[in-house]
Amino acid sequence: MPQQVIAGRYELLEELSHGGMGDVWRGYDAVLDRPVAVKLIRQQSVTSPQLADEFAKRFRREARITARIQHPGVPQVYDAVLDDTYERLFLVMELVEGVQLSAYVDAARPLPVSWAAAVAAQVATVLSHAHDVPAIHRDLKPGNILVGRDGTVKVLDFGIAAILRTGATKLTATGTPIGTSQYMAPEQVRGGRITPQADLYALGCVLHELLSGRVLFHADSEFALMYQHVSAAPTPLRRLRPEVPAALEELVLHLLRKAPEARPADVQEVYERLRPFLPAVGRTPVSGEAGPAGAPDPTGLFRHPYAPRSRPRPAVAPPPSGEPVPAPVPVPDDLRANIKEAYAHSDALLEEERFAQAAEVLSEAIEPAARAIGAENRKVLEMRTQRAAIRLLGGDYRAALPEFTALADAYGRIAGPTSERARACRAQAARCRAELGQVTEALTALESVLAVVRSVDSDVSEEAIELRRDIGMLLLAQSRATDALVVLEPLHADLNVVYGPADELTAEVAEALALIRLDLDGQGA
């Protein structure tokens, strides 16, 4: 259940992170039926009632600026909510799934050069779009950079540091600079004017850390650390890791110069200097270029730019073992109660057409149930089937397709490939394919299921009639009017007998036949 509802529509479900500038929650948008991220800005940012009005204006202004950064590497800003007390400030954003870049930094196992360069190049493209707005990040660091499962880099928290920044209004309680000391440009430490060159310095800190496996400076206190950023010379990368190319070391040192005007002219220059270290289009990785085990590959965007989505891998059924299906495991009483509660909660959400959340509630019950009683236990399969059906109803055909395919295989192993549940899941998978534009494959699958139904049941059973209707409509969608006529004419005759001419399905097929005949008559004219 939601812990809190913001603006009457955004439900806070689970705290994802707790940071110095605010807490991030996994949320749910009840109006648009989608997951969101909700960032609660720390209320300590407002230190007196006199600052509330100015803070409200700044909050909305910065949220609007962030929303103008149109780049896939920046999570979209959906809404900015400021409550009446001015004490609770919320940014509602795209929920991004990924791992913080800091998780991949390891001094014992430095990242491949191409991997680090690909991350930096992606961040550079994001910054180029932001600086054009203009928007300056002010707090770029590995903790604000996520690597998604497809290798896409996302830069988080644009505008947050700007909302909380010090200045004439002195919005922080201490008056100290806003930012993370480990990545703070000298001019930020001094409290000087912030320009895009501050982000370039932070990018230099990040790239140095990725390539060396350690932070740029170490110190016992925050004051000493900030002093080093102002006065100390960074250690050249090749002293720490000799195989780093000299030109890349030179770029990092250029980014880390103390004076803003001494750094590269802009982030576009940085990108051009990173290009020689990026993989060429179509080039496959060689030995030593792989990132950490299990990590996504940020170089993939450069090896295959603008590539389509990967084809879904067909579910592969395990080869028959010749052994009987294991006997069902008894369901413990507490698990049975949890499953019942999950169904009730999911059904209530489904009544409100909150499809994404209804499916998620079942997902939370499926995993522990599968561990306890087996992934192919009847109770688990029933929950998976319900979840797949909810996804189909909600229009998430891409997620429903592999689920129905896997379920058809599972039911086939348990009850036989011609069993009713195996047939139903195969048919639903075919309908998902049709919605995804895979019409030829969908037709083949539906015709195969219909052949099985005809062999075990009547041609006018409810299941057969639905399959015949779907096949006829798909043929019509493919402009195969003559083939559609062959399927739909006898179906219409059967529907008149079984359901009557006033039935909704009979009328739907009659209308389709009228359109087919009109089309065929027009072709013959």
Protein backbone atom coordinates (compact mmCIF):
# COMPACT_ATOMS: atom_id res chain seq x y z
CA MET A 1 0.00 0.00 0.00
CA PRO A 2 1.22 3.54 -0.67
CA GLN A 3 2.89 5.28 2.26
CA GLN A 4 1.86 8.70 1.02
CA VAL A 5 0.04 10.31 -1.91
CA ILE A 6 1.41 13.49 -3.50
CA ALA A 7 -0.84 15.95 -5.37
CA GLY A 8 -3.66 13.43 -5.30
CA ARG A 9 -2.01 11.14 -7.88
CA TYR A 10 1.62 10.18 -7.09
CA GLU A 11 1.84 7.32 -4.60
CA LEU A 12 5.10 6.79 -2.69
CA LEU A 13 5.72 3.04 -2.55
CA GLU A 14 9.33 2.36 -1.60
CA GLU A 15 12.35 4.45 -0.67
CA LEU A 16 15.13 3.85 -3.21
CA SER A 17 17.90 6.08 -1.92
CA HIS A 18 18.69 8.50 0.88
CA GLY A 19 21.10 11.30 0.03
CA GLY A 20 22.32 14.66 1.17
CA MET A 21 20.06 16.59 -1.18
CA GLY A 22 16.95 14.48 -0.88
CA ASP A 23 15.31 11.08 -0.78
CA VAL A 24 14.22 9.21 -3.89
CA TRP A 25 11.12 7.04 -3.87
CA ARG A 26 9.71 4.51 -6.27
CA GLY A 27 6.27 5.88 -6.98
CA TYR A 28 3.19 5.28 -9.05
CA ASP A 29 1.22 7.75 -11.15
CA ALA A 30 -2.41 6.75 -10.60
CA VAL A 31 -3.63 8.94 -13.47
CA LEU A 32 -1.36 7.60 -16.23
CA ASP A 33 -0.86 4.07 -14.77
CA ARG A 34 2.93 4.14 -14.83
CA PRO A 35 5.82 3.87 -12.38
CA VAL A 36 7.66 7.09 -11.55
CA ALA A 37 10.54 8.29 -9.41
CA VAL A 38 9.68 10.94 -6.83
CA LYS A 39 12.49 13.02 -5.35
CA LEU A 40 11.77 14.72 -2.03
CA ILE A 41 14.00 17.77 -1.68
CA ARG A 42 15.30 18.24 1.83
CA GLN A 43 13.10 20.64 3.78
CA GLN A 44 16.13 21.97 5.69
CA SER A 45 16.85 23.95 2.52
CA VAL A 46 14.34 26.56 3.69
CA THR A 47 15.64 28.17 6.87
CA SER A 48 13.04 30.88 7.43
CA PRO A 49 9.50 31.77 6.35
CA GLN A 50 10.90 34.80 4.52
CA LEU A 51 12.70 32.52 2.07
CA ALA A 52 9.69 30.40 1.22
CA ASP A 53 8.36 32.50 -1.66
CA GLU A 54 11.78 32.88 -3.27
CA PHE A 55 12.44 29.19 -2.84
CA ALA A 56 9.13 28.27 -4.48
CA LYS A 57 9.96 30.41 -7.51
CA ARG A 58 13.44 28.91 -7.79
CA PHE A 59 12.10 25.38 -7.43
CA ARG A 60 9.63 25.79 -10.28
CA ARG A 61 12.14 27.65 -12.48
CA GLU A 62 14.82 24.99 -12.14
CA ALA A 63 12.30 22.18 -12.67
CA ARG A 64 11.19 23.84 -15.92
CA ILE A 65 14.79 24.26 -17.06
CA THR A 66 15.53 20.60 -16.36
CA ALA A 67 12.41 19.57 -18.29
CA ARG A 68 13.80 21.38 -21.35
CA ILE A 69 16.83 19.08 -21.60
CA GLN A 70 15.62 16.80 -24.37
CA HIS A 71 18.05 13.91 -24.37
CA PRO A 72 17.58 10.18 -23.63
CA GLY A 73 20.43 10.41 -21.14
CA VAL A 74 18.39 12.70 -18.87
CA PRO A 75 15.36 11.26 -17.06
CA GLN A 76 12.24 13.14 -18.10
CA VAL A 77 10.72 15.51 -15.56
CA TYR A 78 6.97 14.94 -15.37
CA ASP A 79 5.90 17.28 -12.61
CA ALA A 80 7.13 19.63 -9.88
CA VAL A 81 5.02 19.70 -6.71
CA LEU A 82 5.39 22.20 -3.90
CA ASP A 83 3.01 21.79 -0.97
CA ASP A 84 1.27 24.69 0.73
CA THR A 85 3.77 24.82 3.58
CA TYR A 86 6.72 25.22 1.17
CA GLU A 87 8.43 22.60 3.33
CA ARG A 88 7.93 19.58 1.08
CA LEU A 89 9.20 19.81 -2.48
CA PHE A 90 8.84 16.97 -4.95
CA LEU A 91 10.19 16.36 -8.42
CA VAL A 92 8.31 13.62 -10.28
CA MET A 93 10.51 12.00 -12.90
CA GLU A 94 10.99 9.04 -15.17
CA LEU A 95 11.89 5.95 -13.17
CA VAL A 96 15.29 4.76 -14.40
CA GLU A 97 16.47 1.18 -13.89
CA GLY A 98 20.24 0.93 -13.72
CA VAL A 99 23.35 0.66 -11.55
CA GLN A 100 25.30 3.61 -10.20
CA LEU A 101 28.62 4.11 -11.94
CA SER A 102 30.35 4.05 -8.56
CA ALA A 103 29.55 0.33 -8.29
CA TYR A 104 32.01 -0.41 -11.10
CA VAL A 105 35.00 1.50 -9.68
CA ASP A 106 37.60 -0.90 -8.30
CA ALA A 107 41.29 -0.09 -7.84
CA ALA A 108 42.17 -3.79 -8.12
CA ARG A 109 40.38 -4.16 -11.46
CA PRO A 110 40.47 -0.90 -13.46
CA LEU A 111 37.86 -0.55 -16.18
CA PRO A 112 38.81 -1.09 -19.83
CA VAL A 113 39.78 2.14 -21.58
CA SER A 114 37.01 1.82 -24.17
CA TRP A 115 34.43 1.19 -21.40
CA ALA A 116 35.47 4.31 -19.45
CA ALA A 117 35.70 6.40 -22.62
CA ALA A 118 32.23 5.27 -23.73
CA VAL A 119 30.72 6.33 -20.40
CA ALA A 120 32.48 9.70 -20.52
CA ALA A 121 31.43 10.24 -24.15
CA GLN A 122 27.79 9.54 -23.29
CA VAL A 123 27.96 11.93 -20.33
CA ALA A 124 29.54 14.52 -22.66
CA THR A 125 26.62 14.27 -25.08
CA VAL A 126 24.19 14.77 -22.20
CA LEU A 127 26.10 17.81 -20.97
CA SER A 128 26.18 19.30 -24.48
CA HIS A 129 22.37 19.28 -24.59
CA ALA A 130 22.14 20.62 -21.04
CA HIS A 131 24.64 23.43 -21.53
CA ASP A 132 22.74 24.50 -24.65
CA VAL A 133 19.57 25.14 -22.56
CA PRO A 134 21.58 26.48 -20.60
CA ALA A 135 21.59 24.20 -17.54
CA ILE A 136 24.66 23.39 -15.45
CA HIS A 137 24.64 20.21 -13.38
CA ARG A 138 26.91 21.44 -10.54
CA ASP A 139 27.13 18.03 -8.84
CA LEU A 140 28.30 15.52 -11.46
CA LYS A 141 29.70 12.38 -9.79
CA PRO A 142 29.58 8.57 -10.21
CA GLY A 143 26.66 8.38 -7.79
CA ASN A 144 24.61 10.60 -10.14
CA ILE A 145 25.39 8.53 -13.22
CA LEU A 146 23.49 5.31 -13.91
CA VAL A 147 24.34 2.63 -16.46
CA GLY A 148 21.17 0.99 -17.76
CA ARG A 149 20.83 -2.64 -18.74
CA ASP A 150 21.25 -1.72 -22.42
CA GLY A 151 24.43 0.27 -21.71
CA THR A 152 22.71 3.66 -21.90
CA VAL A 153 24.15 6.17 -19.45
CA LYS A 154 21.69 8.35 -17.53
CA VAL A 155 22.72 11.53 -15.71
CA LEU A 156 20.55 12.20 -12.66
CA ASP A 157 19.78 15.22 -10.50
CA PHE A 158 20.06 18.06 -12.99
CA GLY A 159 18.80 21.20 -11.30
CA ILE A 160 18.90 19.88 -7.74
CA ALA A 161 22.16 21.63 -6.84
CA ALA A 162 20.89 24.77 -8.56
CA ILE A 163 17.72 24.70 -6.47
CA LEU A 164 19.78 24.48 -3.28
CA ARG A 165 22.71 26.68 -4.32
CA THR A 166 23.98 29.49 -2.15
CA GLY A 167 23.92 33.05 -3.32
CA ALA A 168 22.19 36.28 -2.43
CA THR A 169 19.30 34.38 -0.83
CA LYS A 170 21.56 32.11 1.28
CA LEU A 171 19.26 29.13 1.09
CA THR A 172 21.54 26.72 2.93
CA ALA A 173 21.75 26.78 6.67
CA THR A 174 25.54 26.82 6.73
CA GLY A 175 26.28 28.94 3.67
CA THR A 176 28.66 26.23 2.39
CA PRO A 177 28.88 25.43 -1.32
CA ILE A 178 26.48 22.89 -2.73
CA GLY A 179 28.12 19.94 -4.43
CA THR A 180 30.18 16.89 -3.58
CA SER A 181 33.66 17.82 -2.39
CA GLN A 182 35.34 14.94 -4.16
CA TYR A 183 34.26 16.32 -7.58
CA MET A 184 33.97 20.04 -6.90
CA ALA A 185 35.68 22.50 -9.23
CA PRO A 186 38.00 25.07 -7.62
CA GLU A 187 35.65 27.93 -8.49
CA GLN A 188 32.81 26.12 -6.67
CA VAL A 189 35.00 25.73 -3.58
CA ARG A 190 35.76 29.46 -3.67
CA GLY A 191 32.09 30.32 -4.16
CA GLY A 192 32.77 31.93 -7.51
CA ARG A 193 30.57 32.18 -10.57
CA ILE A 194 29.62 28.74 -11.92
CA THR A 195 29.89 28.08 -15.66
CA PRO A 196 29.70 24.91 -17.77
CA GLN A 197 33.45 24.53 -17.17
CA ALA A 198 32.60 23.37 -13.62
CA ASP A 199 30.86 20.34 -15.13
CA LEU A 200 33.94 19.71 -17.29
CA TYR A 201 36.13 19.63 -14.18
CA ALA A 202 33.77 17.14 -12.53
CA LEU A 203 33.80 15.01 -15.70
CA GLY A 204 37.61 15.00 -15.48
CA CYS A 205 37.37 13.77 -11.88
CA VAL A 206 34.97 11.01 -12.92
CA LEU A 207 37.07 9.90 -15.90
CA HIS A 208 40.24 9.88 -13.78
CA GLU A 209 38.44 7.68 -11.24
CA LEU A 210 37.11 5.27 -13.87
CA LEU A 211 40.55 4.76 -15.39
CA SER A 212 42.56 4.59 -12.17
CA GLY A 213 40.04 2.93 -9.88
CA ARG A 214 40.53 5.55 -7.17
CA VAL A 215 39.28 9.05 -6.39
CA LEU A 216 41.34 12.02 -7.58
CA PHE A 217 42.29 13.33 -4.11
CA HIS A 218 42.33 11.84 -0.59
CA ALA A 219 42.12 13.86 2.61
CA ASP A 220 41.19 13.45 6.27
CA SER A 221 38.71 16.31 6.26
CA GLU A 222 36.32 17.94 3.83
CA PHE A 223 38.19 21.24 4.21
CA ALA A 224 41.52 19.59 3.31
CA LEU A 225 39.89 17.86 0.34
CA MET A 226 38.50 21.12 -1.01
CA TYR A 227 41.91 22.76 -0.51
CA GLN A 228 43.50 20.09 -2.71
CA HIS A 229 41.02 20.82 -5.51
CA VAL A 230 42.08 24.46 -5.33
CA SER A 231 45.84 24.01 -4.97
CA ALA A 232 47.11 20.43 -5.46
CA ALA A 233 48.21 18.97 -8.79
CA PRO A 234 46.40 15.77 -9.85
CA THR A 235 48.47 12.61 -10.29
CA PRO A 236 48.86 11.89 -14.03
CA LEU A 237 46.98 8.74 -14.96
CA ARG A 238 49.92 6.95 -16.55
CA ARG A 239 51.78 6.95 -13.23
CA LEU A 240 48.89 4.98 -11.77
CA ARG A 241 48.14 2.89 -14.85
CA PRO A 242 50.85 2.91 -17.56
CA GLU A 243 48.66 1.40 -20.30
CA VAL A 244 46.36 4.47 -20.40
CA PRO A 245 46.98 6.21 -23.77
CA ALA A 246 49.00 9.41 -23.48
CA ALA A 247 46.35 11.44 -25.33
CA LEU A 248 43.68 10.32 -22.88
CA GLU A 249 45.87 11.25 -19.92
CA GLU A 250 46.42 14.65 -21.53
CA LEU A 251 42.65 15.17 -21.93
CA VAL A 252 42.00 14.35 -18.26
CA LEU A 253 44.72 16.73 -17.10
CA HIS A 254 43.27 19.42 -19.38
CA LEU A 255 39.83 18.92 -17.81
CA LEU A 256 41.34 19.21 -14.33
CA ARG A 257 43.07 22.56 -14.77
CA LYS A 258 42.39 24.95 -11.90
CA ALA A 259 41.27 27.95 -13.96
CA PRO A 260 37.94 27.46 -15.75
CA GLU A 261 39.16 29.27 -18.89
CA ALA A 262 42.19 26.93 -19.10
CA ARG A 263 39.98 23.85 -19.55
CA PRO A 264 38.64 22.67 -22.92
CA ALA A 265 36.50 25.28 -24.67
CA ASP A 266 33.33 23.20 -24.37
CA VAL A 267 32.04 19.68 -23.95
CA GLN A 268 31.94 19.17 -27.72
CA GLU A 269 35.72 19.43 -27.75
CA VAL A 270 35.88 16.82 -25.00
CA TYR A 271 33.75 14.44 -27.05
CA GLU A 272 35.94 14.86 -30.14
CA ARG A 273 39.03 14.05 -28.09
CA LEU A 274 37.34 10.93 -26.69
CA ARG A 275 36.39 9.60 -30.12
CA PRO A 276 39.74 7.87 -30.86
CA PHE A 277 39.19 5.70 -27.78
CA LEU A 278 35.66 4.62 -28.71
CA PRO A 279 35.04 1.37 -30.61
CA ALA A 280 34.40 1.67 -34.33
CA VAL A 281 30.93 0.99 -35.75
CA GLY A 282 30.42 -2.74 -36.23
CA ARG A 283 33.60 -3.68 -34.38
CA THR A 284 33.25 -6.55 -31.95
CA PRO A 285 34.92 -6.45 -28.52
CA VAL A 286 38.38 -7.98 -28.25
CA SER A 287 40.11 -9.54 -25.28
CA GLY A 288 40.49 -7.11 -22.40
CA GLU A 289 37.65 -4.80 -23.51
CA ALA A 290 34.90 -6.42 -21.47
CA GLY A 291 33.70 -4.56 -18.43
CA PRO A 292 33.00 -6.07 -15.00
CA ALA A 293 31.25 -9.43 -14.96
CA GLY A 294 27.52 -8.99 -15.40
CA ALA A 295 27.85 -5.26 -16.12
CA PRO A 296 26.05 -3.68 -19.08
CA ASP A 297 28.14 -2.55 -22.05
CA PRO A 298 28.20 1.24 -22.58
CA THR A 299 30.31 0.74 -25.72
CA GLY A 300 27.41 -0.98 -27.48
CA LEU A 301 25.84 2.34 -28.46
CA PHE A 302 28.96 3.17 -30.47
CA ARG A 303 29.42 -0.30 -31.96
CA HIS A 304 25.79 -0.42 -33.13
CA PRO A 305 24.42 3.15 -33.20
CA TYR A 306 20.65 3.50 -33.51
CA ALA A 307 20.34 -0.29 -33.63
CA PRO A 308 16.81 -1.65 -33.24
CA ARG A 309 15.73 -3.41 -30.10
CA SER A 310 17.16 -6.88 -29.73
CA ARG A 311 14.88 -9.59 -31.03
CA PRO A 312 13.08 -11.40 -28.22
CA ARG A 313 14.70 -14.73 -27.58
CA PRO A 314 12.23 -17.59 -27.96
CA ALA A 315 11.63 -19.49 -24.78
CA VAL A 316 13.44 -22.80 -24.98
CA ALA A 317 11.72 -25.68 -23.23
CA PRO A 318 14.03 -28.02 -21.38
CA PRO A 319 14.49 -31.36 -23.13
CA PRO A 320 12.20 -34.11 -21.85
CA SER A 321 13.95 -36.01 -19.10
CA GLY A 322 11.77 -39.10 -19.25
CA GLU A 323 11.05 -38.63 -15.58
CA PRO A 324 7.51 -38.14 -14.28
CA VAL A 325 6.39 -34.62 -13.31
CA PRO A 326 7.18 -34.12 -9.62
CA ALA A 327 4.27 -34.40 -7.23
CA PRO A 328 2.78 -31.04 -6.19
CA VAL A 329 4.32 -29.48 -3.10
CA PRO A 330 1.77 -28.58 -0.40
CA VAL A 331 1.26 -24.84 -0.08
CA PRO A 332 2.04 -23.59 3.47
CA ASP A 333 -0.81 -21.74 5.16
CA ASP A 334 1.10 -18.45 5.43
CA LEU A 335 2.04 -18.55 1.74
CA ARG A 336 -1.54 -19.39 0.80
CA ALA A 337 -2.67 -16.32 2.76
CA ASN A 338 -0.07 -14.12 1.02
CA ILE A 339 -1.18 -15.35 -2.39
CA LYS A 340 -4.83 -14.68 -1.53
CA GLU A 341 -3.95 -11.18 -0.36
CA ALA A 342 -1.93 -10.50 -3.54
CA TYR A 343 -4.88 -11.55 -5.71
CA ALA A 344 -7.27 -9.33 -3.75
CA HIS A 345 -4.94 -6.33 -3.95
CA SER A 346 -4.25 -6.90 -7.64
CA ASP A 347 -7.97 -7.31 -8.42
CA ALA A 348 -8.77 -4.05 -6.63
CA LEU A 349 -6.14 -2.23 -8.69
CA LEU A 350 -7.44 -3.88 -11.84
CA GLU A 351 -10.92 -2.57 -11.11
CA GLU A 352 -9.40 0.93 -11.25
CA GLU A 353 -7.56 0.03 -14.52
CA ARG A 354 -4.20 0.39 -12.78
CA PHE A 355 -2.71 -2.38 -14.90
CA ALA A 356 1.00 -1.76 -14.31
CA GLN A 357 0.59 -1.71 -10.55
CA ALA A 358 -1.76 -4.72 -10.54
CA ALA A 359 0.88 -6.74 -12.39
CA GLU A 360 3.62 -5.55 -10.02
CA VAL A 361 1.65 -6.68 -6.96
CA LEU A 362 1.45 -10.20 -8.38
CA SER A 363 5.16 -10.12 -9.28
CA GLU A 364 6.01 -9.45 -5.63
CA ALA A 365 4.10 -12.61 -4.63
CA ILE A 366 5.30 -14.83 -7.49
CA GLU A 367 9.02 -14.82 -6.67
CA PRO A 368 8.79 -16.02 -3.02
CA ALA A 369 6.08 -18.52 -3.98
CA ALA A 370 8.25 -19.97 -6.75
CA ARG A 371 11.16 -20.36 -4.32
CA ALA A 372 8.98 -22.07 -1.75
CA ILE A 373 6.87 -24.46 -3.84
CA GLY A 374 8.49 -24.49 -7.30
CA ALA A 375 8.26 -22.34 -10.42
CA GLU A 376 5.86 -24.80 -12.08
CA ASN A 377 3.59 -25.36 -9.11
CA ARG A 378 -0.05 -24.89 -10.12
CA LYS A 379 -0.50 -21.89 -7.78
CA VAL A 380 2.58 -20.15 -9.20
CA LEU A 381 1.56 -20.82 -12.80
CA GLU A 382 -1.91 -19.43 -12.11
CA MET A 383 -0.42 -16.21 -10.73
CA ARG A 384 1.92 -15.93 -13.71
CA THR A 385 -1.01 -16.46 -16.07
CA GLN A 386 -3.00 -13.74 -14.33
CA ARG A 387 -0.04 -11.37 -14.48
CA ALA A 388 0.41 -12.02 -18.20
CA ALA A 389 -3.30 -11.43 -18.80
CA ILE A 390 -3.12 -8.13 -16.91
CA ARG A 391 -0.16 -7.02 -19.02
CA LEU A 392 -2.06 -7.89 -22.17
CA LEU A 393 -5.12 -5.96 -20.97
CA GLY A 394 -2.91 -2.99 -20.15
CA GLY A 395 -1.34 -3.01 -23.62
CA ASP A 396 2.11 -4.17 -22.47
CA TYR A 397 2.32 -6.78 -25.22
CA ARG A 398 6.11 -6.87 -25.24
CA ALA A 399 6.19 -8.05 -21.62
CA ALA A 400 3.18 -10.37 -21.98
CA LEU A 401 4.52 -12.24 -25.04
CA PRO A 402 7.49 -14.07 -23.42
CA GLU A 403 5.38 -14.79 -20.34
CA PHE A 404 2.60 -16.47 -22.33
CA THR A 405 5.19 -18.36 -24.41
CA ALA A 406 6.91 -19.70 -21.29
CA LEU A 407 3.56 -20.57 -19.71
CA ALA A 408 2.48 -22.52 -22.81
CA ASP A 409 5.66 -24.58 -22.53
CA ALA A 410 5.17 -25.14 -18.80
CA TYR A 411 1.54 -26.23 -19.17
CA GLY A 412 2.58 -28.42 -22.09
CA ARG A 413 5.10 -30.24 -19.89
CA ILE A 414 2.63 -30.67 -17.05
CA ALA A 415 -0.65 -31.45 -18.84
CA GLY A 416 0.39 -32.05 -22.43
CA PRO A 417 0.88 -29.69 -25.41
CA THR A 418 -2.79 -30.02 -26.47
CA SER A 419 -4.16 -29.27 -22.98
CA GLU A 420 -6.62 -26.42 -22.61
CA ARG A 421 -4.27 -24.14 -20.67
CA ALA A 422 -1.35 -24.75 -23.03
CA ARG A 423 -3.64 -23.91 -25.97
CA ALA A 424 -4.94 -20.76 -24.28
CA CYS A 425 -1.44 -19.45 -23.57
CA ARG A 426 -0.26 -20.19 -27.11
CA ALA A 427 -3.25 -18.27 -28.45
CA GLN A 428 -2.59 -15.30 -26.15
CA ALA A 429 1.06 -15.25 -27.19
CA ALA A 430 -0.10 -15.15 -30.82
CA ARG A 431 -2.41 -12.20 -30.06
CA CYS A 432 0.52 -10.36 -28.49
CA ARG A 433 2.56 -10.99 -31.65
CA ALA A 434 -0.25 -9.55 -33.75
CA GLU A 435 -0.31 -6.40 -31.64
CA LEU A 436 3.47 -6.09 -32.02
CA GLY A 437 3.19 -6.28 -35.81
CA GLN A 438 4.32 -9.90 -36.15
CA VAL A 439 1.17 -10.77 -38.09
CA THR A 440 2.49 -13.67 -40.16
CA GLU A 441 3.83 -15.46 -37.06
CA ALA A 442 0.58 -14.72 -35.22
CA LEU A 443 -1.54 -16.22 -37.99
CA THR A 444 0.57 -19.37 -38.12
CA ALA A 445 0.29 -19.81 -34.35
CA LEU A 446 -3.47 -19.19 -34.24
CA GLU A 447 -4.12 -21.61 -37.10
CA SER A 448 -2.03 -24.23 -35.30
CA VAL A 449 -4.02 -23.80 -32.09
CA LEU A 450 -7.31 -23.92 -34.01
CA ALA A 451 -6.30 -27.22 -35.60
CA VAL A 452 -5.74 -28.68 -32.12
CA VAL A 453 -9.07 -27.32 -30.84
CA ARG A 454 -10.92 -28.84 -33.79
CA SER A 455 -9.34 -32.21 -33.03
CA VAL A 456 -10.49 -32.24 -29.40
CA ASP A 457 -13.63 -30.09 -29.41
CA SER A 458 -16.39 -28.65 -31.57
CA ASP A 459 -15.75 -26.12 -34.34
CA VAL A 460 -18.40 -23.94 -32.70
CA SER A 461 -16.99 -24.10 -29.19
CA GLU A 462 -16.34 -20.73 -27.59
CA GLU A 463 -12.57 -21.26 -27.98
CA ALA A 464 -12.83 -22.21 -31.67
CA ILE A 465 -15.14 -19.30 -32.49
CA GLU A 466 -12.76 -16.79 -30.91
CA LEU A 467 -9.81 -18.25 -32.82
CA ARG A 468 -11.69 -18.22 -36.13
CA ARG A 469 -12.69 -14.59 -35.58
CA ASP A 470 -9.09 -13.58 -34.78
CA ILE A 471 -7.72 -15.39 -37.83
CA GLY A 472 -10.26 -13.79 -40.14
CA MET A 473 -9.60 -10.30 -38.79
CA LEU A 474 -5.84 -10.72 -39.12
CA LEU A 475 -6.22 -11.86 -42.71
CA LEU A 476 -8.34 -8.78 -43.33
CA ALA A 477 -5.68 -6.58 -41.71
CA GLN A 478 -3.14 -8.04 -44.16
CA SER A 479 -5.43 -7.04 -47.07
CA ARG A 480 -6.04 -10.73 -47.83
CA ALA A 481 -9.72 -10.10 -48.43
CA THR A 482 -10.43 -13.35 -50.30
CA ASP A 483 -8.79 -15.48 -47.60
CA ALA A 484 -10.63 -13.54 -44.89
CA LEU A 485 -13.93 -14.16 -46.69
CA VAL A 486 -13.27 -17.92 -46.70
CA VAL A 487 -12.83 -17.84 -42.91
CA LEU A 488 -15.49 -15.33 -41.90
CA GLU A 489 -18.44 -16.44 -44.07
CA PRO A 490 -18.85 -19.87 -42.45
CA LEU A 491 -18.10 -18.29 -39.05
CA HIS A 492 -20.95 -15.82 -39.57
CA ALA A 493 -23.30 -18.64 -40.44
CA ASP A 494 -22.33 -20.55 -37.29
CA LEU A 495 -22.70 -17.42 -35.14
CA ASN A 496 -26.23 -16.84 -36.40
CA VAL A 497 -27.14 -20.35 -35.25
CA VAL A 498 -25.23 -20.41 -31.95
CA TYR A 499 -25.64 -16.80 -30.71
CA GLY A 500 -28.24 -15.27 -33.00
CA PRO A 501 -28.06 -12.30 -35.40
CA ALA A 502 -28.42 -9.71 -32.61
CA ASP A 503 -25.29 -10.86 -30.79
CA GLU A 504 -22.41 -8.37 -30.67
CA LEU A 505 -19.88 -10.80 -32.15
CA THR A 506 -22.27 -11.80 -34.94
CA ALA A 507 -22.77 -8.13 -35.81
CA GLU A 508 -18.99 -7.50 -35.76
CA VAL A 509 -18.34 -10.34 -38.23
CA ALA A 510 -21.26 -9.22 -40.42
CA GLU A 511 -19.79 -5.72 -40.62
CA ALA A 512 -16.39 -7.12 -41.57
CA LEU A 513 -18.00 -9.26 -44.30
CA ALA A 514 -19.80 -6.22 -45.68
CA LEU A 515 -16.50 -4.36 -45.95
CA ILE A 516 -14.82 -7.36 -47.62
CA ARG A 517 -17.57 -7.72 -50.21
CA LEU A 518 -17.51 -3.99 -50.90
CA ASP A 519 -13.76 -4.20 -51.42
CA LEU A 520 -14.02 -7.24 -53.67
CA ASP A 521 -16.83 -5.68 -55.68
CA GLY A 522 -14.75 -2.55 -56.12
CA GLN A 523 -11.83 -4.59 -57.42
CA GLY A 524 -14.02 -6.31 -59.95
CA ALA A 525 -15.58 -3.07 -61.23
